[in-house]
Amino acid sequence: MRGDRVDLTELMGKKTEKKRAPAKRLATTPPPSMREVGRGGEMRERILEVAGRMLNQVGPDGLRLQEIAKEVGVSHPLLLHHFGSRAGLVHAVVERSMHALEADILSSLASPTGEPPSDPTALIERTFRAFHDQGHARLLAWLSLSGMSQKDSGSKLGDIALMIHTMRTNQLEARGSKVPPPEDSAFVVTLALFALLGDAMWGRVIREGTTMGKQDPTGERFRQWLTGKLVALLETPAPP
């Protein structure tokens, strides 16, 4: 005590401290649960399946991660854990779509004897259906517009061209004919893909603007004609 005043700090044996304002908590998104992350590949495939269907319906700009998460039954953070962003998810869907199409073509071409597929018309029609009915054509268009190259997506188109050139080489050499360079076979594959891609995206409009609108409304006759031309090109040897 000093005079009539009481020094409370001395009585309490410590100095008083100013109250500190509670620290502000930053709003954070909860991380995905270990259970969600642990389901790994299976869950990722389910997300890609749903996203692919929605992508075909609304396009990349209309794709909503929250809607995908709701339909799949997972949290929004889990989508970000797997794909990083909406753009990352779109690219993953396109890659999955392309790989499925290319795997189907490669399996149809695979032959230990190097023989061509037994029904090239069926192969052309199946590829067209993948472009048209399964939405691969629009996905490829978005792939191009997004600036993502086939090289970036791990495309197997080069393998397809090489396999077709190998089959072509076996056939022509068996006939004693001169084999064109691999570039020629790659051009044939490119022509086929351009035609089928264009048919899937604009075939109906183009056919309606020509005399084929009524004669070939579905484009089936055109694709049969295209098959014959492609086979004839692949059977043509290099000039002597």
Protein backbone atom coordinates (compact mmCIF):
# COMPACT_ATOMS: atom_id res chain seq x y z
CA MET A 1 0.00 0.00 0.00
CA ARG A 2 1.07 3.53 -0.78
CA GLY A 3 -0.93 5.97 1.45
CA ASP A 4 -4.66 5.36 1.14
CA ARG A 5 -4.36 3.76 -2.33
CA VAL A 6 -4.17 0.07 -2.93
CA ASP A 7 -1.87 -1.17 -5.66
CA LEU A 8 -3.75 -4.20 -6.94
CA THR A 9 -0.85 -5.33 -9.11
CA GLU A 10 1.25 -5.79 -6.00
CA LEU A 11 -1.51 -7.63 -4.15
CA MET A 12 -2.05 -10.01 -7.12
CA GLY A 13 1.65 -10.44 -7.70
CA LYS A 14 1.44 -9.71 -11.43
CA LYS A 15 0.76 -6.94 -13.86
CA THR A 16 -2.54 -6.59 -15.62
CA GLU A 17 -2.60 -7.21 -19.35
CA LYS A 18 -4.80 -5.69 -21.99
CA LYS A 19 -7.33 -8.06 -23.44
CA ARG A 20 -6.40 -9.13 -26.93
CA ALA A 21 -9.06 -9.24 -29.63
CA PRO A 22 -9.76 -12.81 -30.71
CA ALA A 23 -7.98 -13.74 -33.92
CA LYS A 24 -10.19 -13.81 -36.97
CA ARG A 25 -10.64 -17.22 -38.50
CA LEU A 26 -10.22 -17.41 -42.24
CA ALA A 27 -13.06 -19.05 -44.09
CA THR A 28 -11.70 -22.30 -45.45
CA THR A 29 -13.19 -25.16 -47.40
CA PRO A 30 -13.06 -28.38 -45.43
CA PRO A 31 -10.70 -30.92 -46.98
CA PRO A 32 -12.14 -34.11 -48.44
CA SER A 33 -12.51 -36.88 -45.94
CA MET A 34 -10.07 -39.78 -45.90
CA ARG A 35 -12.95 -42.06 -46.86
CA GLU A 36 -13.67 -39.98 -49.96
CA VAL A 37 -10.02 -39.82 -51.00
CA GLY A 38 -9.54 -43.52 -50.35
CA ARG A 39 -12.07 -44.57 -52.96
CA GLY A 40 -9.63 -43.24 -55.56
CA GLY A 41 -9.98 -44.51 -59.10
CA GLU A 42 -13.54 -45.79 -58.81
CA MET A 43 -14.84 -42.44 -57.64
CA ARG A 44 -12.80 -40.57 -60.24
CA GLU A 45 -14.35 -42.66 -63.02
CA ARG A 46 -17.84 -41.98 -61.67
CA ILE A 47 -17.14 -38.25 -61.61
CA LEU A 48 -15.85 -38.33 -65.19
CA GLU A 49 -18.88 -40.31 -66.33
CA VAL A 50 -21.33 -37.78 -64.89
CA ALA A 51 -19.26 -34.80 -66.00
CA GLY A 52 -19.02 -36.18 -69.54
CA ARG A 53 -22.79 -36.51 -69.80
CA MET A 54 -23.35 -33.00 -68.44
CA LEU A 55 -20.62 -31.61 -70.68
CA ASN A 56 -22.39 -32.92 -73.77
CA GLN A 57 -25.62 -31.29 -72.60
CA VAL A 58 -24.47 -27.84 -71.50
CA GLY A 59 -20.91 -27.37 -72.76
CA PRO A 60 -17.88 -26.29 -70.69
CA ASP A 61 -19.33 -22.90 -69.74
CA GLY A 62 -22.46 -24.47 -68.29
CA LEU A 63 -20.64 -27.15 -66.30
CA ARG A 64 -21.10 -26.71 -62.53
CA LEU A 65 -18.91 -28.62 -60.11
CA GLN A 66 -21.51 -28.35 -57.36
CA GLU A 67 -24.12 -30.07 -59.55
CA ILE A 68 -21.71 -32.86 -60.46
CA ALA A 69 -20.77 -33.38 -56.81
CA LYS A 70 -24.44 -33.54 -55.83
CA GLU A 71 -25.30 -36.17 -58.44
CA VAL A 72 -22.24 -38.29 -57.70
CA GLY A 73 -22.82 -37.96 -53.96
CA VAL A 74 -19.45 -36.51 -52.99
CA SER A 75 -18.22 -33.21 -51.64
CA HIS A 76 -17.18 -30.28 -53.79
CA PRO A 77 -13.65 -30.35 -52.26
CA LEU A 78 -13.23 -33.91 -53.52
CA LEU A 79 -13.70 -32.74 -57.12
CA LEU A 80 -11.05 -30.10 -56.58
CA HIS A 81 -8.79 -32.73 -54.99
CA HIS A 82 -8.95 -34.87 -58.13
CA PHE A 83 -9.05 -32.24 -60.88
CA GLY A 84 -7.95 -28.89 -59.42
CA SER A 85 -10.51 -26.78 -61.30
CA ARG A 86 -13.38 -26.89 -63.74
CA ALA A 87 -10.93 -26.55 -66.64
CA GLY A 88 -8.97 -29.50 -65.28
CA LEU A 89 -12.14 -31.58 -65.12
CA VAL A 90 -13.11 -30.66 -68.71
CA HIS A 91 -9.68 -31.69 -69.97
CA ALA A 92 -9.89 -34.98 -68.06
CA VAL A 93 -13.31 -35.73 -69.59
CA VAL A 94 -11.98 -35.02 -73.10
CA GLU A 95 -8.93 -37.22 -72.53
CA ARG A 96 -11.12 -40.07 -71.26
CA SER A 97 -13.42 -39.72 -74.24
CA MET A 98 -10.57 -39.71 -76.74
CA HIS A 99 -8.82 -42.66 -75.12
CA ALA A 100 -12.03 -44.72 -75.20
CA LEU A 101 -12.54 -44.00 -78.90
CA GLU A 102 -8.93 -44.69 -79.83
CA ALA A 103 -8.81 -47.90 -77.77
CA ASP A 104 -11.86 -49.14 -79.65
CA ILE A 105 -10.25 -48.39 -83.02
CA LEU A 106 -6.94 -49.98 -82.00
CA SER A 107 -8.66 -53.14 -80.77
CA SER A 108 -10.53 -53.39 -84.08
CA LEU A 109 -7.29 -53.02 -86.02
CA ALA A 110 -5.22 -55.38 -83.90
CA SER A 111 -4.36 -58.57 -85.76
CA PRO A 112 -1.35 -60.87 -85.25
CA THR A 113 -1.26 -61.55 -89.00
CA GLY A 114 -1.40 -57.90 -89.99
CA GLU A 115 -4.64 -58.40 -91.89
CA PRO A 116 -7.09 -55.49 -92.20
CA PRO A 117 -10.32 -55.52 -90.17
CA SER A 118 -12.87 -57.95 -91.62
CA ASP A 119 -15.48 -55.22 -92.05
CA PRO A 120 -13.98 -51.75 -92.57
CA THR A 121 -17.47 -50.32 -93.16
CA ALA A 122 -18.50 -51.42 -89.66
CA LEU A 123 -15.35 -49.79 -88.23
CA ILE A 124 -16.15 -46.50 -89.99
CA GLU A 125 -19.76 -46.62 -88.81
CA ARG A 126 -18.75 -47.40 -85.22
CA THR A 127 -16.28 -44.52 -85.22
CA PHE A 128 -18.97 -42.20 -86.57
CA ARG A 129 -21.39 -43.33 -83.86
CA ALA A 130 -18.79 -42.58 -81.21
CA PHE A 131 -18.33 -39.11 -82.68
CA HIS A 132 -22.06 -38.47 -83.03
CA ASP A 133 -24.04 -40.42 -80.44
CA GLN A 134 -21.47 -40.40 -77.65
CA GLY A 135 -20.56 -36.74 -78.16
CA HIS A 136 -16.88 -37.23 -79.03
CA ALA A 137 -17.16 -34.72 -81.87
CA ARG A 138 -18.20 -31.86 -79.61
CA LEU A 139 -15.61 -32.83 -77.03
CA LEU A 140 -12.92 -32.69 -79.70
CA ALA A 141 -14.15 -29.28 -80.79
CA TRP A 142 -13.93 -28.02 -77.22
CA LEU A 143 -10.50 -29.60 -76.93
CA SER A 144 -9.32 -27.58 -79.91
CA LEU A 145 -10.95 -24.34 -78.76
CA SER A 146 -9.43 -24.69 -75.30
CA GLY A 147 -5.95 -24.74 -76.83
CA MET A 148 -5.21 -28.25 -75.62
CA SER A 149 -3.30 -30.23 -78.26
CA GLN A 150 -3.62 -33.93 -79.02
CA LYS A 151 -0.06 -34.30 -77.78
CA ASP A 152 -1.07 -32.82 -74.42
CA SER A 153 -3.98 -35.26 -74.13
CA GLY A 154 -1.83 -38.35 -74.70
CA SER A 155 -3.55 -39.17 -77.97
CA LYS A 156 -2.99 -42.52 -79.67
CA LEU A 157 -3.84 -41.32 -83.18
CA GLY A 158 -0.21 -41.75 -84.14
CA ASP A 159 -0.40 -45.40 -83.07
CA ILE A 160 -3.52 -45.88 -85.19
CA ALA A 161 -1.83 -44.40 -88.26
CA LEU A 162 1.24 -46.58 -87.67
CA MET A 163 -0.84 -49.75 -87.30
CA ILE A 164 -2.74 -49.02 -90.51
CA HIS A 165 0.54 -48.36 -92.34
CA THR A 166 1.93 -51.67 -91.06
CA MET A 167 -1.11 -53.55 -92.38
CA ARG A 168 -0.82 -51.68 -95.67
CA THR A 169 2.86 -52.56 -95.93
CA ASN A 170 2.18 -56.26 -95.39
CA GLN A 171 -0.49 -56.32 -98.07
CA LEU A 172 1.47 -54.39 -100.70
CA GLU A 173 4.70 -56.31 -100.13
CA ALA A 174 2.79 -59.60 -100.47
CA ARG A 175 1.71 -58.39 -103.93
CA GLY A 176 5.22 -57.27 -104.79
CA SER A 177 4.12 -53.63 -104.92
CA LYS A 178 6.03 -50.59 -103.77
CA VAL A 179 4.93 -49.26 -100.36
CA PRO A 180 4.18 -45.53 -100.02
CA PRO A 181 5.84 -43.63 -97.15
CA PRO A 182 4.16 -43.64 -93.71
CA GLU A 183 3.08 -40.06 -94.29
CA ASP A 184 0.72 -41.24 -97.02
CA SER A 185 -1.05 -43.62 -94.63
CA ALA A 186 -1.24 -40.87 -92.01
CA PHE A 187 -2.95 -38.65 -94.60
CA VAL A 188 -5.57 -41.35 -95.23
CA VAL A 189 -6.28 -41.62 -91.49
CA THR A 190 -6.49 -37.83 -91.25
CA LEU A 191 -8.92 -37.69 -94.16
CA ALA A 192 -11.13 -40.33 -92.56
CA LEU A 193 -11.21 -38.53 -89.20
CA PHE A 194 -11.90 -35.15 -90.78
CA ALA A 195 -14.80 -36.63 -92.76
CA LEU A 196 -16.31 -38.48 -89.79
CA LEU A 197 -15.84 -35.54 -87.43
CA GLY A 198 -17.48 -33.17 -89.90
CA ASP A 199 -20.28 -35.63 -90.55
CA ALA A 200 -21.00 -35.94 -86.84
CA MET A 201 -21.12 -32.19 -86.26
CA TRP A 202 -22.54 -30.71 -89.46
CA GLY A 203 -23.61 -33.67 -91.60
CA ARG A 204 -27.34 -33.01 -91.42
CA VAL A 205 -26.96 -29.33 -92.29
CA ILE A 206 -24.60 -30.05 -95.19
CA ARG A 207 -26.79 -32.84 -96.57
CA GLU A 208 -29.87 -30.60 -96.44
CA GLY A 209 -27.98 -28.09 -98.56
CA THR A 210 -27.16 -30.65 -101.26
CA THR A 211 -29.11 -33.14 -103.31
CA MET A 212 -28.24 -35.80 -100.72
CA GLY A 213 -30.65 -34.39 -98.14
CA LYS A 214 -33.52 -36.66 -99.17
CA GLN A 215 -31.55 -39.51 -100.70
CA ASP A 216 -29.20 -39.99 -97.73
CA PRO A 217 -30.73 -38.23 -94.68
CA THR A 218 -28.65 -40.16 -92.11
CA GLY A 219 -25.39 -40.12 -94.08
CA GLU A 220 -25.12 -43.92 -94.08
CA ARG A 221 -24.66 -44.10 -97.85
CA PHE A 222 -21.99 -41.41 -97.68
CA ARG A 223 -20.06 -43.37 -95.06
CA GLN A 224 -20.26 -46.53 -97.16
CA TRP A 225 -18.91 -44.56 -100.13
CA LEU A 226 -16.20 -43.07 -97.90
CA THR A 227 -15.15 -46.55 -96.75
CA GLY A 228 -14.71 -47.71 -100.33
CA LYS A 229 -12.58 -44.68 -101.18
CA LEU A 230 -10.38 -45.12 -98.09
CA VAL A 231 -9.85 -48.83 -98.77
CA ALA A 232 -8.96 -48.04 -102.39
CA LEU A 233 -6.44 -45.44 -101.25
CA LEU A 234 -4.79 -47.87 -98.85
CA GLU A 235 -4.58 -50.53 -101.59
CA THR A 236 -2.87 -48.10 -103.98
CA PRO A 237 0.91 -48.69 -104.16
CA ALA A 238 3.50 -45.99 -104.51
CA PRO A 239 4.35 -45.00 -108.09
CA PRO A 240 7.32 -46.90 -109.53
